[in-house]
């Protein structure tokens, strides 16, 4: 498992912006684009780069606090 795998990532459509937005709130604010698959690929790349930068500079990785919903009531 890569260090970046501990962080929850997702892509969703934004009616307001009329684009897909990829999110990883524990690390970055977001990635956007017209193709949801490409947006997710870019999101994966950017989160990996952020994690690697933190590790390379000797900083601690933030605690992963965002979790997917486990139950729908």
Protein backbone atom coordinates (compact mmCIF):
# COMPACT_ATOMS: atom_id res chain seq x y z
CA UNK A 1 0.00 0.00 0.00
CA UNK A 2 1.26 3.46 -0.91
CA UNK A 3 1.19 6.16 1.75
CA UNK A 4 -1.27 8.16 -0.37
CA UNK A 5 -3.74 5.23 -0.32
CA UNK A 6 -4.76 6.07 3.25
CA UNK A 7 -6.47 9.26 2.04
CA UNK A 8 -10.03 9.17 0.70
CA UNK A 9 -10.36 10.49 -2.87
CA UNK A 10 -13.42 10.88 -5.05
CA UNK A 11 -14.72 12.56 -8.20
CA UNK A 12 -18.14 14.19 -8.48
CA UNK A 13 -20.00 16.35 -10.96
CA UNK A 14 -20.44 20.02 -10.07
CA UNK A 15 -23.62 21.57 -11.46
CA UNK A 16 -22.36 24.98 -10.41
CA UNK A 17 -19.05 24.69 -12.28
CA UNK A 18 -20.21 22.28 -15.02
CA UNK A 19 -17.09 20.11 -14.58
CA UNK A 20 -16.03 17.03 -12.64
CA UNK A 21 -14.19 17.83 -9.42
CA UNK A 22 -11.76 15.42 -7.78
CA UNK A 23 -11.36 15.85 -4.04
CA UNK A 24 -8.94 14.70 -1.37
CA UNK A 25 -9.78 17.05 1.50
CA UNK A 26 -7.11 15.74 3.86
CA UNK A 27 -4.36 16.81 1.42
CA UNK A 28 -5.53 19.12 -1.39
CA UNK A 29 -8.51 21.26 -2.34
CA UNK A 30 -9.32 19.69 -5.70
CA UNK A 31 -8.69 18.90 -9.35
CA UNK A 32 -11.21 19.61 -12.10
CA UNK A 33 -11.88 18.65 -15.71
CA UNK A 34 -14.33 17.30 -18.29
CA UNK A 35 -13.37 13.59 -18.11
CA UNK A 36 -14.04 11.89 -14.74
CA UNK A 37 -11.49 9.13 -15.39
CA UNK A 38 -8.75 11.62 -16.23
CA UNK A 39 -9.69 13.78 -13.23
CA UNK A 40 -9.28 10.76 -10.95
CA UNK A 41 -5.94 9.88 -12.54
CA UNK A 42 -4.70 13.43 -11.99
CA UNK A 43 -6.03 13.38 -8.43
CA UNK A 44 -4.04 10.19 -7.76
CA UNK A 45 -0.89 11.75 -9.24
CA UNK A 46 -1.21 14.98 -7.28
CA UNK A 47 -1.94 13.29 -3.96
CA UNK A 48 1.09 11.03 -4.46
CA UNK A 49 3.24 14.09 -5.22
CA UNK A 50 1.99 15.90 -2.11
CA UNK A 51 2.69 12.87 0.09
CA UNK A 52 6.15 12.42 -1.44
CA UNK A 53 6.96 16.11 -0.94
CA UNK A 54 5.96 15.91 2.73
CA UNK A 55 8.08 12.80 3.23
CA UNK A 56 11.05 14.27 1.34
CA UNK A 57 11.00 17.40 3.49
CA UNK A 58 10.76 15.44 6.74
CA UNK A 59 7.25 16.58 7.59
CA UNK A 60 4.63 14.34 9.13
CA UNK A 61 1.74 13.23 6.99
CA UNK A 62 -1.60 14.69 8.08
CA UNK A 63 -3.99 12.33 9.80
CA UNK A 64 -6.51 10.89 7.38
CA UNK A 65 -9.84 11.93 8.87
CA UNK A 66 -12.17 11.91 5.85
CA UNK A 67 -13.88 8.55 5.50
CA UNK A 68 -16.48 7.29 3.05
CA UNK A 69 -19.98 6.86 4.38
CA UNK A 70 -20.36 3.37 5.81
CA UNK A 71 -24.14 3.25 6.19
CA UNK A 72 -27.08 5.01 4.63
CA UNK A 73 -29.92 5.60 7.05
